[in-house]
Amino acid sequence: MADRLVTEAVERARTAGPEREREVRRECVRVTCRRKRAHEDHAPPRPLASGLRASPEARARMGMHARQGPLAPVQAVRLLPRAHVSAWYGRMDIHQPLLIATGVQKVYRTGSVAVPALLDLDLTVSPGELVGVMGPSGSGKTTLLNCLSGLDDIDGGRVVVDGHDLFAMSDAARTEHRARTMGFVFQAFNLIPVFSAVENVELPLLLVGTRPREARRRALDMLDRVRLGHRVGHRPSEMSGGEQQRVTIARALAGRPAIVWADEPTGNLDSAMATQVMDLLCELNHDEGQTIVLVTHDSAIGDRVPRLIRMRDGRLVDDVRRHVTLSGTTADPPRG
């Protein structure tokens, strides 16, 4: 729900003059209040196989109640020191992937013409992976991202994200699941022009029922994490393209998603800004174990990811895993 409402608000704000700023703000507040009454601050906790439980102090840092049960794996990772994140993922059961896509098919139809976009596609992504998807124009990269995230319907197959079969859920349940467990970074920044950086980041949190004070705290913390702590009060028009994209990354991560989908996140940036944004995504993945799936046409970006998938004509034709440092590739293991 949050992603759809934010997009609608963006479109309204783009055509709104300064005199409508107050009206846009009031509308967002009304929506926030309705959502807040309908939902709790956090979804019910999911069981963790290892039975790991956080201390009351750690739960307080996450805004969780002390009575809640075991943490989900992604939540548990965020309670560990950064130096321990890689070790924690190394102990996770590799047979419990975060994303499982099986036999996914997507066909676009225009009248009597049917154009297949995805053909019996299988893909598995484990927690903590940084996966790049490359391919020529029209190969199905963006369609893949939209279908795996539940933004688009599929015509066949199954997609399971964080233990939930997306297309066995109702539209409302799928939208709610997407708002709570996924983050999105698009080529178009989709920031509300009349909102400041911190207001843009906190809005999706408010829309899923997070308390205003907690939403503001998490928005400020995440803007500081993406090195924009000094720009929290600035509007998009007062920031560079790279800064705006970092705001969108902060917005995607503020809800502590299980997975972040990034569609051409550097497409609107020059090479220097693109490098900075990619440095940030790699850092978040390496230091904090954030699972990220990104689509790109830029081979320089593809060289930065530990796992690179190539697509052609709606199929996955290559899947390479390699050892990559924060600054670049160091060695390639055998394909498999």
C-alpha atoms as a PDB file:
ATOM      1  CA  MET A   1       0.000   0.000   0.000  1.00  0.00           C
ATOM      2  CA  ALA A   2       2.785   2.414   0.909  1.00  0.00           C
ATOM      3  CA  ASP A   3       4.533   2.243  -2.475  1.00  0.00           C
ATOM      4  CA  ARG A   4       1.286   2.851  -4.398  1.00  0.00           C
ATOM      5  CA  LEU A   5       0.215   5.773  -2.198  1.00  0.00           C
ATOM      6  CA  VAL A   6       3.643   7.375  -2.371  1.00  0.00           C
ATOM      7  CA  THR A   7       3.644   7.102  -6.174  1.00  0.00           C
ATOM      8  CA  GLU A   8       0.204   8.695  -6.367  1.00  0.00           C
ATOM      9  CA  ALA A   9       1.327  11.485  -4.055  1.00  0.00           C
ATOM     10  CA  VAL A  10       4.369  12.084  -6.269  1.00  0.00           C
ATOM     11  CA  GLU A  11       2.204  12.430  -9.348  1.00  0.00           C
ATOM     12  CA  ARG A  12      -0.128  14.857  -7.601  1.00  0.00           C
ATOM     13  CA  ALA A  13       2.731  16.918  -6.255  1.00  0.00           C
ATOM     14  CA  ARG A  14       4.401  17.190  -9.656  1.00  0.00           C
ATOM     15  CA  THR A  15       1.430  19.148 -10.966  1.00  0.00           C
ATOM     16  CA  ALA A  16       0.845  21.064  -7.759  1.00  0.00           C
ATOM     17  CA  GLY A  17       2.038  24.612  -7.293  1.00  0.00           C
ATOM     18  CA  PRO A  18       3.299  26.042  -4.016  1.00  0.00           C
ATOM     19  CA  GLU A  19      -0.229  26.990  -3.030  1.00  0.00           C
ATOM     20  CA  ARG A  20      -1.192  23.293  -2.910  1.00  0.00           C
ATOM     21  CA  GLU A  21       1.660  22.232  -0.647  1.00  0.00           C
ATOM     22  CA  ARG A  22      -0.487  22.491   2.468  1.00  0.00           C
ATOM     23  CA  GLU A  23      -3.255  20.443   0.854  1.00  0.00           C
ATOM     24  CA  VAL A  24      -0.811  17.660  -0.133  1.00  0.00           C
ATOM     25  CA  ARG A  25       0.569  17.548   3.395  1.00  0.00           C
ATOM     26  CA  ARG A  26      -2.923  17.342   4.929  1.00  0.00           C
ATOM     27  CA  GLU A  27      -3.854  14.479   2.622  1.00  0.00           C
ATOM     28  CA  CYS A  28      -0.754  12.485   3.566  1.00  0.00           C
ATOM     29  CA  VAL A  29      -1.511  13.048   7.253  1.00  0.00           C
ATOM     30  CA  ARG A  30      -5.100  11.814   6.780  1.00  0.00           C
ATOM     31  CA  VAL A  31      -3.866   8.654   5.051  1.00  0.00           C
ATOM     32  CA  THR A  32      -1.258   8.149   7.764  1.00  0.00           C
ATOM     33  CA  CYS A  33      -3.864   8.384  10.519  1.00  0.00           C
ATOM     34  CA  ARG A  34      -6.099   5.825   8.838  1.00  0.00           C
ATOM     35  CA  ARG A  35      -3.199   3.410   8.394  1.00  0.00           C
ATOM     36  CA  LYS A  36      -2.003   3.949  11.934  1.00  0.00           C
ATOM     37  CA  ARG A  37      -5.380   2.987  13.371  1.00  0.00           C
ATOM     38  CA  ALA A  38      -5.473  -0.144  11.226  1.00  0.00           C
ATOM     39  CA  HIS A  39      -2.021  -1.582  11.950  1.00  0.00           C
ATOM     40  CA  GLU A  40       0.470  -2.043  14.751  1.00  0.00           C
ATOM     41  CA  ASP A  41       3.947  -0.583  14.629  1.00  0.00           C
ATOM     42  CA  HIS A  42       5.509  -3.938  13.684  1.00  0.00           C
ATOM     43  CA  ALA A  43       4.282  -7.122  12.052  1.00  0.00           C
ATOM     44  CA  PRO A  44       4.122 -10.229  14.282  1.00  0.00           C
ATOM     45  CA  PRO A  45       7.579 -11.773  14.636  1.00  0.00           C
ATOM     46  CA  ARG A  46       8.462 -14.826  12.568  1.00  0.00           C
ATOM     47  CA  PRO A  47      10.180 -17.772  14.275  1.00  0.00           C
ATOM     48  CA  LEU A  48      13.926 -18.223  13.877  1.00  0.00           C
ATOM     49  CA  ALA A  49      15.163 -21.769  13.455  1.00  0.00           C
ATOM     50  CA  SER A  50      18.047 -21.282  15.867  1.00  0.00           C
ATOM     51  CA  GLY A  51      15.774 -19.815  18.542  1.00  0.00           C
ATOM     52  CA  LEU A  52      17.874 -16.646  18.759  1.00  0.00           C
ATOM     53  CA  ARG A  53      16.261 -14.026  20.952  1.00  0.00           C
ATOM     54  CA  ALA A  54      17.258 -10.416  21.417  1.00  0.00           C
ATOM     55  CA  SER A  55      17.846  -8.814  24.778  1.00  0.00           C
ATOM     56  CA  PRO A  56      15.304  -6.236  26.027  1.00  0.00           C
ATOM     57  CA  GLU A  57      17.876  -3.513  25.296  1.00  0.00           C
ATOM     58  CA  ALA A  58      18.323  -4.699  21.709  1.00  0.00           C
ATOM     59  CA  ARG A  59      14.561  -4.906  21.235  1.00  0.00           C
ATOM     60  CA  ALA A  60      14.227  -1.375  22.532  1.00  0.00           C
ATOM     61  CA  ARG A  61      16.719  -0.182  19.920  1.00  0.00           C
ATOM     62  CA  MET A  62      14.558  -1.803  17.237  1.00  0.00           C
ATOM     63  CA  GLY A  63      11.324  -0.412  18.670  1.00  0.00           C
ATOM     64  CA  MET A  64      10.081  -3.909  19.537  1.00  0.00           C
ATOM     65  CA  HIS A  65       8.190  -5.018  22.621  1.00  0.00           C
ATOM     66  CA  ALA A  66      10.028  -7.187  25.140  1.00  0.00           C
ATOM     67  CA  ARG A  67       7.231  -9.786  25.093  1.00  0.00           C
ATOM     68  CA  GLN A  68       7.748 -10.596  21.427  1.00  0.00           C
ATOM     69  CA  GLY A  69       9.196 -13.966  20.453  1.00  0.00           C
ATOM     70  CA  PRO A  70      12.196 -15.052  18.358  1.00  0.00           C
ATOM     71  CA  LEU A  71      13.479 -12.688  15.693  1.00  0.00           C
ATOM     72  CA  ALA A  72      13.396 -13.272  11.967  1.00  0.00           C
ATOM     73  CA  PRO A  73      16.869 -13.932  10.474  1.00  0.00           C
ATOM     74  CA  VAL A  74      17.187 -10.514   8.863  1.00  0.00           C
ATOM     75  CA  GLN A  75      16.173  -8.778  12.104  1.00  0.00           C
ATOM     76  CA  ALA A  76      18.604 -10.914  14.082  1.00  0.00           C
ATOM     77  CA  VAL A  77      21.472  -9.964  11.804  1.00  0.00           C
ATOM     78  CA  ARG A  78      20.873  -6.285  12.456  1.00  0.00           C
ATOM     79  CA  LEU A  79      21.410  -6.841  16.169  1.00  0.00           C
ATOM     80  CA  LEU A  80      24.917  -8.165  15.596  1.00  0.00           C
ATOM     81  CA  PRO A  81      28.059  -6.022  15.342  1.00  0.00           C
ATOM     82  CA  ARG A  82      28.911  -5.351  11.713  1.00  0.00           C
ATOM     83  CA  ALA A  83      32.072  -7.437  11.936  1.00  0.00           C
ATOM     84  CA  HIS A  84      29.910 -10.474  12.819  1.00  0.00           C
ATOM     85  CA  VAL A  85      27.358 -10.133  10.014  1.00  0.00           C
ATOM     86  CA  SER A  86      29.277 -12.248   7.497  1.00  0.00           C
ATOM     87  CA  ALA A  87      29.892 -14.945  10.097  1.00  0.00           C
ATOM     88  CA  TRP A  88      26.203 -14.977  11.016  1.00  0.00           C
ATOM     89  CA  TYR A  89      25.110 -15.481   7.427  1.00  0.00           C
ATOM     90  CA  GLY A  90      27.722 -18.196   7.110  1.00  0.00           C
ATOM     91  CA  ARG A  91      25.926 -20.119   9.877  1.00  0.00           C
ATOM     92  CA  MET A  92      22.472 -19.725   8.326  1.00  0.00           C
ATOM     93  CA  ASP A  93      20.807 -22.718   6.713  1.00  0.00           C
ATOM     94  CA  ILE A  94      21.478 -22.332   3.000  1.00  0.00           C
ATOM     95  CA  HIS A  95      18.373 -24.426   2.370  1.00  0.00           C
ATOM     96  CA  GLN A  96      16.164 -21.566   3.586  1.00  0.00           C
ATOM     97  CA  PRO A  97      16.535 -18.938   0.825  1.00  0.00           C
ATOM     98  CA  LEU A  98      14.868 -15.568   1.041  1.00  0.00           C
ATOM     99  CA  LEU A  99      13.532 -15.706  -2.537  1.00  0.00           C
ATOM    100  CA  ILE A 100      12.392 -18.780  -4.453  1.00  0.00           C
ATOM    101  CA  ALA A 101      11.001 -18.327  -7.967  1.00  0.00           C
ATOM    102  CA  THR A 102       9.912 -21.466  -9.825  1.00  0.00           C
ATOM    103  CA  GLY A 103       8.708 -21.700 -13.416  1.00  0.00           C
ATOM    104  CA  VAL A 104       7.772 -18.019 -13.570  1.00  0.00           C
ATOM    105  CA  GLN A 105       6.045 -16.977 -16.791  1.00  0.00           C
ATOM    106  CA  LYS A 106       4.898 -13.547 -17.913  1.00  0.00           C
ATOM    107  CA  VAL A 107       3.124 -12.749 -21.175  1.00  0.00           C
ATOM    108  CA  TYR A 108       2.146  -9.278 -22.373  1.00  0.00           C
ATOM    109  CA  ARG A 109      -0.966  -9.238 -24.548  1.00  0.00           C
ATOM    110  CA  THR A 110      -2.122  -6.517 -26.910  1.00  0.00           C
ATOM    111  CA  GLY A 111      -5.308  -7.537 -28.639  1.00  0.00           C
ATOM    112  CA  SER A 112      -4.589 -10.843 -30.339  1.00  0.00           C
ATOM    113  CA  VAL A 113      -0.803 -10.447 -30.026  1.00  0.00           C
ATOM    114  CA  ALA A 114       0.942 -12.232 -27.148  1.00  0.00           C
ATOM    115  CA  VAL A 115       4.558 -11.341 -26.346  1.00  0.00           C
ATOM    116  CA  PRO A 116       6.307 -13.675 -23.861  1.00  0.00           C
ATOM    117  CA  ALA A 117       8.494 -11.698 -21.452  1.00  0.00           C
ATOM    118  CA  LEU A 118       9.560 -14.405 -18.961  1.00  0.00           C
ATOM    119  CA  LEU A 119       9.806 -18.081 -19.892  1.00  0.00           C
ATOM    120  CA  ASP A 120       9.820 -20.754 -17.136  1.00  0.00           C
ATOM    121  CA  LEU A 121      12.256 -18.775 -15.050  1.00  0.00           C
ATOM    122  CA  ASP A 122      13.804 -20.283 -11.903  1.00  0.00           C
ATOM    123  CA  LEU A 123      15.782 -18.224  -9.397  1.00  0.00           C
ATOM    124  CA  THR A 124      16.843 -18.545  -5.764  1.00  0.00           C
ATOM    125  CA  VAL A 125      18.359 -15.753  -3.663  1.00  0.00           C
ATOM    126  CA  SER A 126      19.772 -16.350  -0.179  1.00  0.00           C
ATOM    127  CA  PRO A 127      19.738 -13.819   2.681  1.00  0.00           C
ATOM    128  CA  GLY A 128      22.613 -11.357   2.473  1.00  0.00           C
ATOM    129  CA  GLU A 129      23.255 -11.721  -1.269  1.00  0.00           C
ATOM    130  CA  LEU A 130      23.950  -8.812  -3.631  1.00  0.00           C
ATOM    131  CA  VAL A 131      22.694  -9.950  -7.034  1.00  0.00           C
ATOM    132  CA  GLY A 132      23.064  -8.065 -10.292  1.00  0.00           C
ATOM    133  CA  VAL A 133      20.850  -8.729 -13.323  1.00  0.00           C
ATOM    134  CA  MET A 134      22.143  -7.715 -16.750  1.00  0.00           C
ATOM    135  CA  GLY A 135      20.998  -8.198 -20.318  1.00  0.00           C
ATOM    136  CA  PRO A 136      20.249  -6.352 -23.543  1.00  0.00           C
ATOM    137  CA  SER A 137      17.275  -4.045 -23.841  1.00  0.00           C
ATOM    138  CA  GLY A 138      14.053  -6.061 -23.974  1.00  0.00           C
ATOM    139  CA  SER A 139      15.578  -9.140 -22.345  1.00  0.00           C
ATOM    140  CA  GLY A 140      13.114  -8.993 -19.433  1.00  0.00           C
ATOM    141  CA  LYS A 141      15.242  -7.497 -16.644  1.00  0.00           C
ATOM    142  CA  THR A 142      12.712  -4.987 -15.331  1.00  0.00           C
ATOM    143  CA  THR A 143       9.847  -7.411 -15.898  1.00  0.00           C
ATOM    144  CA  LEU A 144      11.724  -9.924 -13.773  1.00  0.00           C
ATOM    145  CA  LEU A 145      12.113  -7.435 -10.931  1.00  0.00           C
ATOM    146  CA  ASN A 146       8.458  -6.387 -11.116  1.00  0.00           C
ATOM    147  CA  CYS A 147       7.210  -9.978 -11.085  1.00  0.00           C
ATOM    148  CA  LEU A 148       9.501 -11.196  -8.302  1.00  0.00           C
ATOM    149  CA  SER A 149       8.476  -8.259  -6.117  1.00  0.00           C
ATOM    150  CA  GLY A 150       4.780  -8.707  -6.801  1.00  0.00           C
ATOM    151  CA  LEU A 151       4.361  -5.368  -8.562  1.00  0.00           C
ATOM    152  CA  ASP A 152       3.182  -7.218 -11.691  1.00  0.00           C
ATOM    153  CA  ASP A 153       1.061 -10.363 -11.883  1.00  0.00           C
ATOM    154  CA  ILE A 154       2.513 -13.521 -13.402  1.00  0.00           C
ATOM    155  CA  ASP A 155       0.930 -15.945 -15.862  1.00  0.00           C
ATOM    156  CA  GLY A 156       2.472 -19.067 -14.406  1.00  0.00           C
ATOM    157  CA  GLY A 157       4.833 -20.351 -11.759  1.00  0.00           C
ATOM    158  CA  ARG A 158       5.374 -19.484  -8.116  1.00  0.00           C
ATOM    159  CA  VAL A 159       7.226 -16.732  -6.235  1.00  0.00           C
ATOM    160  CA  VAL A 160       7.983 -17.078  -2.523  1.00  0.00           C
ATOM    161  CA  VAL A 161       9.543 -14.128  -0.688  1.00  0.00           C
ATOM    162  CA  ASP A 162      10.424 -14.367   2.996  1.00  0.00           C
ATOM    163  CA  GLY A 163       8.284 -17.484   3.351  1.00  0.00           C
ATOM    164  CA  HIS A 164       5.170 -16.058   1.671  1.00  0.00           C
ATOM    165  CA  ASP A 165       3.803 -17.197  -1.697  1.00  0.00           C
ATOM    166  CA  LEU A 166       3.100 -13.801  -3.266  1.00  0.00           C
ATOM    167  CA  PHE A 167       0.526 -14.883  -5.807  1.00  0.00           C
ATOM    168  CA  ALA A 168      -1.395 -17.101  -3.410  1.00  0.00           C
ATOM    169  CA  MET A 169      -2.186 -13.958  -1.425  1.00  0.00           C
ATOM    170  CA  SER A 170      -4.941 -11.450  -2.053  1.00  0.00           C
ATOM    171  CA  ASP A 171      -3.966  -8.145  -3.648  1.00  0.00           C
ATOM    172  CA  ALA A 172      -4.359  -6.371  -0.314  1.00  0.00           C
ATOM    173  CA  ALA A 173      -2.265  -8.933   1.563  1.00  0.00           C
ATOM    174  CA  ARG A 174       0.433  -8.888  -1.125  1.00  0.00           C
ATOM    175  CA  THR A 175       0.558  -5.087  -1.011  1.00  0.00           C
ATOM    176  CA  GLU A 176       0.847  -5.161   2.771  1.00  0.00           C
ATOM    177  CA  HIS A 177       3.591  -7.802   2.616  1.00  0.00           C
ATOM    178  CA  ARG A 178       5.481  -5.765   0.026  1.00  0.00           C
ATOM    179  CA  ALA A 179       5.248  -2.596   2.093  1.00  0.00           C
ATOM    180  CA  ARG A 180       6.605  -4.307   5.204  1.00  0.00           C
ATOM    181  CA  THR A 181       9.302  -6.604   3.793  1.00  0.00           C
ATOM    182  CA  MET A 182      10.565  -4.942   0.597  1.00  0.00           C
ATOM    183  CA  GLY A 183      12.309  -1.732  -0.332  1.00  0.00           C
ATOM    184  CA  PHE A 184      12.508  -0.191  -3.806  1.00  0.00           C
ATOM    185  CA  VAL A 185      15.072   2.035  -5.523  1.00  0.00           C
ATOM    186  CA  PHE A 186      14.148   3.151  -9.026  1.00  0.00           C
ATOM    187  CA  GLN A 187      15.927   5.046 -11.768  1.00  0.00           C
ATOM    188  CA  ALA A 188      13.409   7.871 -11.334  1.00  0.00           C
ATOM    189  CA  PHE A 189      13.830   9.089  -7.783  1.00  0.00           C
ATOM    190  CA  ASN A 190      10.064   9.447  -7.132  1.00  0.00           C
ATOM    191  CA  LEU A 191      10.594  11.903  -4.310  1.00  0.00           C
ATOM    192  CA  ILE A 192       7.737  14.208  -3.335  1.00  0.00           C
ATOM    193  CA  PRO A 193       9.051  17.653  -4.352  1.00  0.00           C
ATOM    194  CA  VAL A 194       7.298  19.603  -1.590  1.00  0.00           C
ATOM    195  CA  PHE A 195       8.666  17.322   1.137  1.00  0.00           C
ATOM    196  CA  SER A 196      12.077  17.575   2.753  1.00  0.00           C
ATOM    197  CA  ALA A 197      14.507  14.642   2.676  1.00  0.00           C
ATOM    198  CA  VAL A 198      13.478  13.424   6.117  1.00  0.00           C
ATOM    199  CA  GLU A 199       9.764  13.756   5.285  1.00  0.00           C
ATOM    200  CA  ASN A 200      10.245  11.696   2.117  1.00  0.00           C
ATOM    201  CA  VAL A 201      12.023   8.959   4.055  1.00  0.00           C
ATOM    202  CA  GLU A 202       9.539   8.805   6.929  1.00  0.00           C
ATOM    203  CA  LEU A 203       6.343   8.853   4.809  1.00  0.00           C
ATOM    204  CA  PRO A 204       6.333   5.109   3.910  1.00  0.00           C
ATOM    205  CA  LEU A 205       6.911   4.299   7.580  1.00  0.00           C
ATOM    206  CA  LEU A 206       3.914   6.393   8.592  1.00  0.00           C
ATOM    207  CA  LEU A 207       1.766   4.755   5.936  1.00  0.00           C
ATOM    208  CA  VAL A 208       2.328   1.299   7.459  1.00  0.00           C
ATOM    209  CA  GLY A 209       1.484   2.510  10.948  1.00  0.00           C
ATOM    210  CA  THR A 210       4.841   3.384  12.498  1.00  0.00           C
ATOM    211  CA  ARG A 211       4.463   5.936  15.285  1.00  0.00           C
ATOM    212  CA  PRO A 212       5.441   9.441  14.104  1.00  0.00           C
ATOM    213  CA  ARG A 213       8.261   9.865  16.626  1.00  0.00           C
ATOM    214  CA  GLU A 214       9.727   6.450  15.778  1.00  0.00           C
ATOM    215  CA  ALA A 215       9.351   7.121  12.036  1.00  0.00           C
ATOM    216  CA  ARG A 216      11.218  10.421  12.354  1.00  0.00           C
ATOM    217  CA  ARG A 217      13.995   8.795  14.411  1.00  0.00           C
ATOM    218  CA  ARG A 218      14.488   5.982  11.915  1.00  0.00           C
ATOM    219  CA  ALA A 219      14.391   8.403   8.967  1.00  0.00           C
ATOM    220  CA  LEU A 220      17.066  10.591  10.554  1.00  0.00           C
ATOM    221  CA  ASP A 221      19.207   7.572  11.427  1.00  0.00           C
ATOM    222  CA  MET A 222      19.038   6.236   7.879  1.00  0.00           C
ATOM    223  CA  LEU A 223      19.797   9.612   6.289  1.00  0.00           C
ATOM    224  CA  ASP A 224      22.831   9.817   8.530  1.00  0.00           C
ATOM    225  CA  ARG A 225      23.772   6.279   7.436  1.00  0.00           C
ATOM    226  CA  VAL A 226      23.754   7.338   3.762  1.00  0.00           C
ATOM    227  CA  ARG A 227      25.809  10.408   4.694  1.00  0.00           C
ATOM    228  CA  LEU A 228      23.016  12.954   4.276  1.00  0.00           C
ATOM    229  CA  GLY A 229      22.669  13.948   7.920  1.00  0.00           C
ATOM    230  CA  HIS A 230      23.433  17.542   6.958  1.00  0.00           C
ATOM    231  CA  ARG A 231      20.700  17.641   4.269  1.00  0.00           C
ATOM    232  CA  VAL A 232      17.664  16.335   6.177  1.00  0.00           C
ATOM    233  CA  GLY A 233      15.720  19.590   5.811  1.00  0.00           C
ATOM    234  CA  HIS A 234      16.425  20.126   2.113  1.00  0.00           C
ATOM    235  CA  ARG A 235      13.877  19.464  -0.628  1.00  0.00           C
ATOM    236  CA  PRO A 236      14.715  17.404  -3.740  1.00  0.00           C
ATOM    237  CA  SER A 237      15.160  20.514  -5.883  1.00  0.00           C
ATOM    238  CA  GLU A 238      17.902  21.641  -3.501  1.00  0.00           C
ATOM    239  CA  MET A 239      19.909  18.423  -3.852  1.00  0.00           C
ATOM    240  CA  SER A 240      22.081  16.900  -6.565  1.00  0.00           C
ATOM    241  CA  GLY A 241      21.032  13.778  -8.449  1.00  0.00           C
ATOM    242  CA  GLY A 242      23.349  11.624  -6.370  1.00  0.00           C
ATOM    243  CA  GLU A 243      21.956  13.060  -3.146  1.00  0.00           C
ATOM    244  CA  GLN A 244      18.384  12.449  -4.310  1.00  0.00           C
ATOM    245  CA  GLN A 245      19.199   8.835  -5.096  1.00  0.00           C
ATOM    246  CA  ARG A 246      20.733   8.426  -1.644  1.00  0.00           C
ATOM    247  CA  VAL A 247      17.467   9.739  -0.186  1.00  0.00           C
ATOM    248  CA  THR A 248      15.592   7.036  -2.136  1.00  0.00           C
ATOM    249  CA  ILE A 249      17.998   4.423  -0.778  1.00  0.00           C
ATOM    250  CA  ALA A 250      17.391   5.707   2.753  1.00  0.00           C
ATOM    251  CA  ARG A 251      13.636   5.552   2.101  1.00  0.00           C
ATOM    252  CA  ALA A 252      13.943   1.963   0.848  1.00  0.00           C
ATOM    253  CA  LEU A 253      15.974   0.848   3.877  1.00  0.00           C
ATOM    254  CA  ALA A 254      14.263   2.774   6.670  1.00  0.00           C
ATOM    255  CA  GLY A 255      11.590   0.094   6.994  1.00  0.00           C
ATOM    256  CA  ARG A 256      14.268  -2.571   7.580  1.00  0.00           C
ATOM    257  CA  PRO A 257      13.189  -4.638   4.565  1.00  0.00           C
ATOM    258  CA  ALA A 258      14.134  -8.257   4.038  1.00  0.00           C
ATOM    259  CA  ILE A 259      15.060  -7.463   0.428  1.00  0.00           C
ATOM    260  CA  VAL A 260      15.708  -4.334  -1.644  1.00  0.00           C
ATOM    261  CA  TRP A 261      14.904  -4.223  -5.364  1.00  0.00           C
ATOM    262  CA  ALA A 262      16.898  -1.661  -7.364  1.00  0.00           C
ATOM    263  CA  ASP A 263      15.965  -0.991 -11.000  1.00  0.00           C
ATOM    264  CA  GLU A 264      18.772   0.902 -12.776  1.00  0.00           C
ATOM    265  CA  PRO A 265      19.634   2.826  -9.575  1.00  0.00           C
ATOM    266  CA  THR A 266      22.473   4.681 -11.312  1.00  0.00           C
ATOM    267  CA  GLY A 267      20.768   5.185 -14.682  1.00  0.00           C
ATOM    268  CA  ASN A 268      20.141   8.927 -14.201  1.00  0.00           C
ATOM    269  CA  LEU A 269      23.562   9.706 -12.717  1.00  0.00           C
ATOM    270  CA  ASP A 270      26.937  10.629 -14.141  1.00  0.00           C
ATOM    271  CA  SER A 271      29.815   8.198 -13.649  1.00  0.00           C
ATOM    272  CA  ALA A 272      31.129   9.852 -10.483  1.00  0.00           C
ATOM    273  CA  MET A 273      27.709   9.924  -8.801  1.00  0.00           C
ATOM    274  CA  ALA A 274      26.982   6.380 -10.010  1.00  0.00           C
ATOM    275  CA  THR A 275      30.167   5.167  -8.348  1.00  0.00           C
ATOM    276  CA  GLN A 276      29.188   6.829  -5.074  1.00  0.00           C
ATOM    277  CA  VAL A 277      25.716   5.251  -5.099  1.00  0.00           C
ATOM    278  CA  MET A 278      27.118   1.825  -5.942  1.00  0.00           C
ATOM    279  CA  ASP A 279      29.735   2.199  -3.205  1.00  0.00           C
ATOM    280  CA  LEU A 280      26.883   2.804  -0.763  1.00  0.00           C
ATOM    281  CA  LEU A 281      24.861  -0.227  -1.903  1.00  0.00           C
ATOM    282  CA  CYS A 282      27.922  -2.483  -1.699  1.00  0.00           C
ATOM    283  CA  GLU A 283      28.743  -1.124   1.739  1.00  0.00           C
ATOM    284  CA  LEU A 284      25.217  -1.745   3.029  1.00  0.00           C
ATOM    285  CA  ASN A 285      25.338  -5.294   1.701  1.00  0.00           C
ATOM    286  CA  HIS A 286      28.840  -6.036   2.980  1.00  0.00           C
ATOM    287  CA  ASP A 287      28.597  -4.384   6.399  1.00  0.00           C
ATOM    288  CA  GLU A 288      24.957  -4.959   7.305  1.00  0.00           C
ATOM    289  CA  GLY A 289      23.998  -8.039   5.307  1.00  0.00           C
ATOM    290  CA  GLN A 290      21.250  -6.271   3.364  1.00  0.00           C
ATOM    291  CA  THR A 291      19.889  -8.463   0.570  1.00  0.00           C
ATOM    292  CA  ILE A 292      19.805  -6.505  -2.707  1.00  0.00           C
ATOM    293  CA  VAL A 293      18.740  -7.469  -6.213  1.00  0.00           C
ATOM    294  CA  LEU A 294      19.617  -4.800  -8.779  1.00  0.00           C
ATOM    295  CA  VAL A 295      19.017  -4.467 -12.493  1.00  0.00           C
ATOM    296  CA  THR A 296      21.613  -2.636 -14.564  1.00  0.00           C
ATOM    297  CA  HIS A 297      22.833  -2.259 -18.122  1.00  0.00           C
ATOM    298  CA  ASP A 298      26.191  -0.833 -16.975  1.00  0.00           C
ATOM    299  CA  SER A 299      29.024  -3.385 -17.098  1.00  0.00           C
ATOM    300  CA  ALA A 300      30.987  -1.330 -14.575  1.00  0.00           C
ATOM    301  CA  ILE A 301      28.151  -1.822 -12.093  1.00  0.00           C
ATOM    302  CA  GLY A 302      27.919  -5.503 -12.991  1.00  0.00           C
ATOM    303  CA  ASP A 303      31.595  -5.928 -12.142  1.00  0.00           C
ATOM    304  CA  ARG A 304      30.894  -4.810  -8.561  1.00  0.00           C
ATOM    305  CA  VAL A 305      28.405  -7.515  -7.568  1.00  0.00           C
ATOM    306  CA  PRO A 306      29.349 -10.912  -6.091  1.00  0.00           C
ATOM    307  CA  ARG A 307      26.653 -12.664  -8.125  1.00  0.00           C
ATOM    308  CA  LEU A 308      25.849 -11.674 -11.702  1.00  0.00           C
ATOM    309  CA  ILE A 309      22.898 -13.070 -13.650  1.00  0.00           C
ATOM    310  CA  ARG A 310      22.532 -12.480 -17.378  1.00  0.00           C
ATOM    311  CA  MET A 311      19.224 -12.572 -19.235  1.00  0.00           C
ATOM    312  CA  ARG A 312      18.304 -12.984 -22.868  1.00  0.00           C
ATOM    313  CA  ASP A 313      14.844 -13.305 -24.421  1.00  0.00           C
ATOM    314  CA  GLY A 314      13.124 -13.788 -21.084  1.00  0.00           C
ATOM    315  CA  ARG A 315      15.453 -16.508 -19.827  1.00  0.00           C
ATOM    316  CA  LEU A 316      18.358 -16.666 -17.390  1.00  0.00           C
ATOM    317  CA  VAL A 317      21.338 -17.683 -19.511  1.00  0.00           C
ATOM    318  CA  ASP A 318      24.210 -17.221 -17.059  1.00  0.00           C
ATOM    319  CA  ASP A 319      24.664 -17.164 -13.281  1.00  0.00           C
ATOM    320  CA  VAL A 320      28.175 -16.382 -12.012  1.00  0.00           C
ATOM    321  CA  ARG A 321      29.306 -16.145  -8.402  1.00  0.00           C
ATOM    322  CA  ARG A 322      32.673 -14.606  -7.580  1.00  0.00           C
ATOM    323  CA  HIS A 323      34.624 -13.082  -4.735  1.00  0.00           C
ATOM    324  CA  VAL A 324      34.291  -9.303  -4.821  1.00  0.00           C
ATOM    325  CA  THR A 325      35.740  -6.707  -2.467  1.00  0.00           C
ATOM    326  CA  LEU A 326      34.069  -3.383  -1.795  1.00  0.00           C
ATOM    327  CA  SER A 327      36.178  -1.834  -4.564  1.00  0.00           C
ATOM    328  CA  GLY A 328      36.015  -4.523  -7.249  1.00  0.00           C
ATOM    329  CA  THR A 329      36.351  -8.139  -8.339  1.00  0.00           C
ATOM    330  CA  THR A 330      39.356 -10.107  -7.081  1.00  0.00           C
ATOM    331  CA  ALA A 331      38.693 -13.676  -8.254  1.00  0.00           C
ATOM    332  CA  ASP A 332      36.087 -15.743 -10.053  1.00  0.00           C
ATOM    333  CA  PRO A 333      35.244 -19.251  -8.842  1.00  0.00           C
ATOM    334  CA  PRO A 334      34.004 -21.860 -11.320  1.00  0.00           C
ATOM    335  CA  ARG A 335      30.481 -21.351 -12.603  1.00  0.00           C
ATOM    336  CA  GLY A 336      27.731 -23.537 -11.295  1.00  0.00           C
END
